Amino acid sequence: MWINDLFGVKKPIITMLHLDPLPGDPRYRYGDCMDRVVEHARADLRALQDGGVDGVMFSNEFSLPYERHMSFVTPAAMARVIGELKSEIRIPYGVDCISDGLAAIELAAAVDAKFIRGTFSGVYVGDGGLYNNDFSQLLRRKAALHLDELKMLYFINPESDRSLDIRPLEEIAKSTIFKAHPDGLCISANAAGQDVDDALIASVKAGAPDVVVLCNTGCRPDTIEQKLSTADAAVVGTYFKEGGRLENERLENVRVDINRVKEFMSVVNALRRRL
């Protein structure tokens, strides 16, 4: 599978690097500065890489509430962070412009990202209202930018919103594969940090054996072996942070704890030795 070739290992672990609030975000307050955003991202990148993860995905996690059509300043700020850190990145990297697939594609072109993740297809409703994803437009923009090698990891059941498509998830997966040929399918639980139903992962994988299936939420040292028994890879974010918390009591981004990364990856590496 392409994912093993890109990351150089079986069952790769892709980590989320959550950026601090960016200019224009409600949590980016007077006195904040991009230099500090870059330095926090640098510290997290070092901890994640030294802890042994296989890939990293930069996301605007603290741009809450997320924009369906991003302000230009957000991907510009993300590009600055990645540009300043690029010489230090030792593993394959991607980007996730949360809730805006077009922005993710265009940012990937600007920073030479190898993969992107997003809700590229389907119609959903949630706290941010109703939104419709036009993957015909996204794939045409990807083609126009000559991003033939860019891998797209599709959410087909985003954790924070409800799909208006009432078909079983495995049927949605088959239809999406036929129409868009996604490089990967991300399977989530009902909320960030919750365990994905093992049977759900297995059903999607059974219906799409040739497509990469990723466990997208709730991976921990005590669950990752079971998740990877059916999933081809996993995305891990909050678990790697200090205390396993997304944010502190002041709603600030919590830094990565290298010891939690090493603990997690030791379990994954033991699993790989048995494969």
Protein backbone atom coordinates (compact mmCIF):
# COMPACT_ATOMS: atom_id res chain seq x y z
CA MET A 1 0.00 0.00 0.00
CA TRP A 2 1.11 3.56 -0.70
CA ILE A 3 0.95 4.45 2.98
CA ASN A 4 3.63 1.89 3.88
CA ASP A 5 5.86 3.20 1.09
CA LEU A 6 5.43 6.85 2.08
CA PHE A 7 6.14 6.36 5.78
CA GLY A 8 8.57 3.47 5.43
CA VAL A 9 6.81 1.29 8.03
CA LYS A 10 3.77 -0.92 8.43
CA LYS A 11 0.81 0.49 10.36
CA PRO A 12 2.14 4.08 10.47
CA ILE A 13 1.15 6.53 13.21
CA ILE A 14 0.37 10.01 11.93
CA THR A 15 0.35 12.61 14.66
CA MET A 16 -1.53 15.88 14.78
CA LEU A 17 0.53 18.98 15.50
CA HIS A 18 -2.06 21.38 16.90
CA LEU A 19 -1.11 24.97 16.18
CA ASP A 20 -1.94 27.70 18.68
CA PRO A 21 -4.64 30.24 17.76
CA LEU A 22 -3.67 32.16 14.64
CA PRO A 23 -4.22 35.81 13.66
CA GLY A 24 -7.92 36.43 13.15
CA ASP A 25 -8.99 33.56 15.41
CA PRO A 26 -11.20 34.49 18.40
CA ARG A 27 -8.61 33.02 20.80
CA TYR A 28 -5.72 34.96 19.25
CA ARG A 29 -5.66 37.82 21.72
CA TYR A 30 -4.06 41.23 21.91
CA GLY A 31 -0.38 40.72 22.69
CA ASP A 32 -0.14 37.31 21.00
CA CYS A 33 2.43 36.98 18.23
CA MET A 34 3.34 34.59 15.44
CA ASP A 35 6.87 34.17 16.78
CA ARG A 36 5.41 32.42 19.83
CA VAL A 37 3.13 30.27 17.65
CA VAL A 38 6.21 29.13 15.71
CA GLU A 39 8.23 28.40 18.85
CA HIS A 40 5.42 26.36 20.40
CA ALA A 41 5.06 24.40 17.16
CA ARG A 42 8.82 23.83 17.07
CA ALA A 43 8.79 22.42 20.61
CA ASP A 44 5.91 20.07 19.75
CA LEU A 45 7.56 18.97 16.50
CA ARG A 46 10.77 18.05 18.32
CA ALA A 47 8.91 16.07 20.97
CA LEU A 48 6.86 14.19 18.38
CA GLN A 49 9.79 13.37 16.12
CA ASP A 50 12.13 12.43 18.97
CA GLY A 51 9.32 10.32 20.41
CA GLY A 52 9.27 8.25 17.22
CA VAL A 53 6.08 9.06 15.30
CA ASP A 54 5.99 8.22 11.58
CA GLY A 55 4.31 11.32 10.14
CA VAL A 56 3.02 14.70 11.25
CA MET A 57 -0.02 16.71 10.21
CA PHE A 58 -0.18 20.44 10.93
CA SER A 59 -3.68 21.64 11.81
CA ASN A 60 -5.31 24.88 12.91
CA GLU A 61 -6.92 23.08 15.84
CA PHE A 62 -7.42 26.27 17.86
CA SER A 63 -9.14 28.28 15.13
CA LEU A 64 -12.43 27.62 16.92
CA PRO A 65 -15.15 28.01 15.77
CA TYR A 66 -13.98 26.75 12.38
CA GLU A 67 -14.68 28.57 9.14
CA ARG A 68 -16.17 26.72 6.19
CA HIS A 69 -14.40 29.19 3.91
CA MET A 70 -11.20 30.24 5.63
CA SER A 71 -10.03 33.79 5.92
CA PHE A 72 -6.85 34.18 3.86
CA VAL A 73 -4.81 34.93 6.98
CA THR A 74 -5.28 31.40 8.37
CA PRO A 75 -3.53 29.33 5.67
CA ALA A 76 -1.01 32.17 5.32
CA ALA A 77 -0.15 31.84 9.01
CA MET A 78 0.01 28.05 8.73
CA ALA A 79 2.34 28.36 5.75
CA ARG A 80 4.63 30.64 7.76
CA VAL A 81 4.87 28.12 10.60
CA ILE A 82 5.59 25.21 8.26
CA GLY A 83 8.07 27.28 6.26
CA GLU A 84 10.03 28.21 9.37
CA LEU A 85 10.10 24.59 10.56
CA LYS A 86 10.61 22.86 7.24
CA SER A 87 14.37 22.40 7.62
CA GLU A 88 13.72 20.58 10.91
CA ILE A 89 11.02 18.19 9.66
CA ARG A 90 12.47 14.69 9.31
CA ILE A 91 9.30 12.72 8.56
CA PRO A 92 6.53 12.98 5.94
CA TYR A 93 4.16 15.83 6.72
CA GLY A 94 0.68 16.92 5.76
CA VAL A 95 -1.82 19.66 6.50
CA ASP A 96 -5.39 19.88 7.73
CA CYS A 97 -7.19 23.20 7.22
CA ILE A 98 -10.12 22.24 9.39
CA SER A 99 -13.51 22.45 7.62
CA ASP A 100 -12.08 23.92 4.40
CA GLY A 101 -10.88 21.32 1.92
CA LEU A 102 -10.00 23.86 -0.75
CA ALA A 103 -7.71 25.71 1.65
CA ALA A 104 -6.02 22.42 2.53
CA ILE A 105 -5.31 21.65 -1.12
CA GLU A 106 -3.91 25.12 -1.80
CA LEU A 107 -1.81 25.14 1.38
CA ALA A 108 -0.42 21.71 0.46
CA ALA A 109 0.69 23.12 -2.89
CA ALA A 110 2.46 26.02 -1.17
CA VAL A 111 4.36 23.96 1.42
CA ASP A 112 4.97 20.69 -0.51
CA ALA A 113 2.83 18.63 1.85
CA LYS A 114 2.54 14.94 1.05
CA PHE A 115 -1.03 14.45 2.32
CA ILE A 116 -4.10 16.29 3.53
CA ARG A 117 -7.06 15.32 5.69
CA GLY A 118 -10.54 16.77 5.60
CA THR A 119 -14.28 16.45 5.06
CA PHE A 120 -14.13 16.55 1.28
CA SER A 121 -17.47 14.91 0.49
CA GLY A 122 -20.98 14.58 1.89
CA VAL A 123 -23.54 16.88 3.52
CA TYR A 124 -23.42 17.46 7.28
CA VAL A 125 -25.14 19.44 9.99
CA GLY A 126 -23.66 20.53 13.30
CA ASP A 127 -22.97 23.47 15.56
CA GLY A 128 -21.62 25.41 12.59
CA GLY A 129 -24.82 24.89 10.61
CA LEU A 130 -25.40 23.00 7.38
CA TYR A 131 -22.52 22.44 5.00
CA ASN A 132 -22.16 20.73 1.67
CA ASN A 133 -18.79 19.54 0.34
CA ASP A 134 -18.34 19.66 -3.42
CA PHE A 135 -15.58 17.20 -4.16
CA SER A 136 -15.97 17.83 -7.89
CA GLN A 137 -14.57 21.33 -7.31
CA LEU A 138 -11.84 20.13 -4.95
CA LEU A 139 -10.54 17.43 -7.26
CA ARG A 140 -10.50 19.81 -10.22
CA ARG A 141 -8.47 22.33 -8.18
CA LYS A 142 -6.07 19.57 -7.15
CA ALA A 143 -5.63 18.63 -10.81
CA ALA A 144 -5.14 22.26 -11.85
CA LEU A 145 -2.34 22.62 -9.30
CA HIS A 146 -0.71 19.41 -10.64
CA LEU A 147 -0.83 17.74 -7.25
CA ASP A 148 -0.93 14.25 -8.71
CA GLU A 149 1.02 12.73 -5.81
CA LEU A 150 -0.87 14.50 -3.01
CA LYS A 151 -2.72 11.94 -0.90
CA MET A 152 -6.22 12.86 0.32
CA LEU A 153 -7.51 11.29 3.53
CA TYR A 154 -11.30 11.61 3.62
CA PHE A 155 -13.42 11.92 6.72
CA ILE A 156 -16.53 9.88 5.99
CA ASN A 157 -18.02 10.26 9.46
CA PRO A 158 -16.60 13.43 11.08
CA GLU A 159 -16.75 13.24 14.87
CA SER A 160 -18.32 16.64 15.48
CA ASP A 161 -21.14 16.68 12.89
CA ARG A 162 -24.00 14.47 11.74
CA SER A 163 -24.19 13.24 8.16
CA LEU A 164 -27.52 13.72 6.39
CA ASP A 165 -26.73 10.61 4.33
CA ILE A 166 -28.64 7.77 5.99
CA ARG A 167 -26.87 4.95 4.15
CA PRO A 168 -24.65 2.57 6.18
CA LEU A 169 -21.08 3.86 6.41
CA GLU A 170 -19.68 1.00 4.34
CA GLU A 171 -22.05 1.94 1.49
CA ILE A 172 -20.97 5.58 1.70
CA ALA A 173 -17.36 4.39 1.57
CA LYS A 174 -17.97 2.30 -1.57
CA SER A 175 -19.78 5.15 -3.32
CA THR A 176 -17.04 7.64 -2.43
CA ILE A 177 -14.38 5.26 -3.71
CA PHE A 178 -16.20 4.82 -7.02
CA LYS A 179 -16.63 8.55 -7.61
CA ALA A 180 -13.49 10.10 -6.12
CA HIS A 181 -10.89 7.35 -5.55
CA PRO A 182 -9.83 8.62 -2.11
CA ASP A 183 -6.35 7.65 -0.96
CA GLY A 184 -7.58 6.98 2.57
CA LEU A 185 -10.76 6.81 4.64
CA CYS A 186 -10.68 8.19 8.19
CA ILE A 187 -13.09 6.45 10.59
CA SER A 188 -14.07 8.41 13.70
CA ALA A 189 -16.13 8.01 16.86
CA ASN A 190 -18.97 10.36 17.79
CA ALA A 191 -16.60 12.79 19.51
CA ALA A 192 -12.88 13.57 19.48
CA GLY A 193 -10.95 11.31 21.84
CA GLN A 194 -13.61 8.58 21.94
CA ASP A 195 -12.92 5.01 20.83
CA VAL A 196 -13.88 4.12 17.29
CA ASP A 197 -16.14 1.06 17.13
CA ASP A 198 -13.89 -1.83 16.06
CA ALA A 199 -16.75 -3.39 14.11
CA LEU A 200 -17.19 -0.15 12.17
CA ILE A 201 -13.54 -0.11 11.13
CA ALA A 202 -13.78 -3.76 10.13
CA SER A 203 -16.93 -3.26 8.08
CA VAL A 204 -15.44 -0.35 6.11
CA LYS A 205 -12.19 -2.25 5.56
CA ALA A 206 -14.06 -5.35 4.39
CA GLY A 207 -15.94 -3.26 1.85
CA ALA A 208 -12.82 -1.40 0.71
CA PRO A 209 -9.89 -3.84 1.06
CA ASP A 210 -7.65 -1.97 -1.38
CA VAL A 211 -8.11 1.47 0.19
CA VAL A 212 -6.18 2.70 3.23
CA VAL A 213 -8.44 2.84 6.30
CA LEU A 214 -7.32 4.94 9.25
CA CYS A 215 -8.54 4.90 12.85
CA ASN A 216 -9.04 8.60 13.43
CA THR A 217 -9.94 9.06 17.12
CA GLY A 218 -9.47 7.57 20.57
CA CYS A 219 -6.18 5.73 20.09
CA ARG A 220 -4.29 4.96 23.33
CA PRO A 221 -1.55 2.48 24.29
CA ASP A 222 -4.18 0.08 25.59
CA THR A 223 -6.33 0.26 22.44
CA ILE A 224 -3.93 0.83 19.55
CA GLU A 225 -3.09 -2.84 18.98
CA GLN A 226 -6.76 -3.71 18.55
CA LYS A 227 -7.36 -0.73 16.26
CA LEU A 228 -4.41 -1.65 14.05
CA SER A 229 -5.60 -5.24 13.78
CA THR A 230 -8.03 -3.96 11.14
CA ALA A 231 -7.00 -0.36 10.38
CA ASP A 232 -3.98 0.28 8.14
CA ALA A 233 -2.84 3.33 10.12
CA ALA A 234 -3.93 5.64 12.91
CA VAL A 235 -4.11 9.37 13.56
CA VAL A 236 -3.20 10.43 17.10
CA GLY A 237 -3.42 13.91 18.58
CA THR A 238 -4.65 14.64 22.08
CA TYR A 239 -3.18 11.54 23.74
CA PHE A 240 0.37 12.78 23.06
CA LYS A 241 -0.17 16.03 24.97
CA GLU A 242 0.60 16.68 28.63
CA GLY A 243 -1.98 14.86 30.73
CA GLY A 244 -3.76 13.75 27.53
CA ARG A 245 -5.56 17.11 27.46
CA LEU A 246 -6.33 19.20 24.40
CA GLU A 247 -6.39 22.47 26.35
CA ASN A 248 -5.77 23.74 29.88
CA GLU A 249 -8.12 25.62 32.21
CA ARG A 250 -7.29 28.87 30.39
CA LEU A 251 -8.31 27.24 27.09
CA GLU A 252 -4.70 27.31 25.90
CA ASN A 253 -3.11 24.70 23.66
CA VAL A 254 -1.35 22.03 25.76
CA ARG A 255 2.19 21.04 24.74
CA VAL A 256 3.27 17.57 23.61
CA ASP A 257 4.76 15.24 26.24
CA ILE A 258 7.61 13.23 24.71
CA ASN A 259 7.25 10.51 27.33
CA ARG A 260 3.65 9.84 26.29
CA VAL A 261 4.79 9.68 22.65
CA LYS A 262 7.54 7.18 23.48
CA GLU A 263 5.19 5.05 25.57
CA PHE A 264 2.65 4.87 22.75
CA MET A 265 5.20 4.19 20.02
CA SER A 266 6.84 1.42 22.04
CA VAL A 267 3.54 -0.48 21.88
CA VAL A 268 3.25 0.15 18.13
CA ASN A 269 6.84 -0.93 17.47
CA ALA A 270 6.32 -4.14 19.44
CA LEU A 271 3.27 -4.86 17.28
CA ARG A 272 5.26 -4.25 14.09
CA ARG A 273 7.93 -6.73 15.14
CA ARG A 274 5.23 -9.40 15.26
CA LEU A 275 3.79 -8.63 11.82
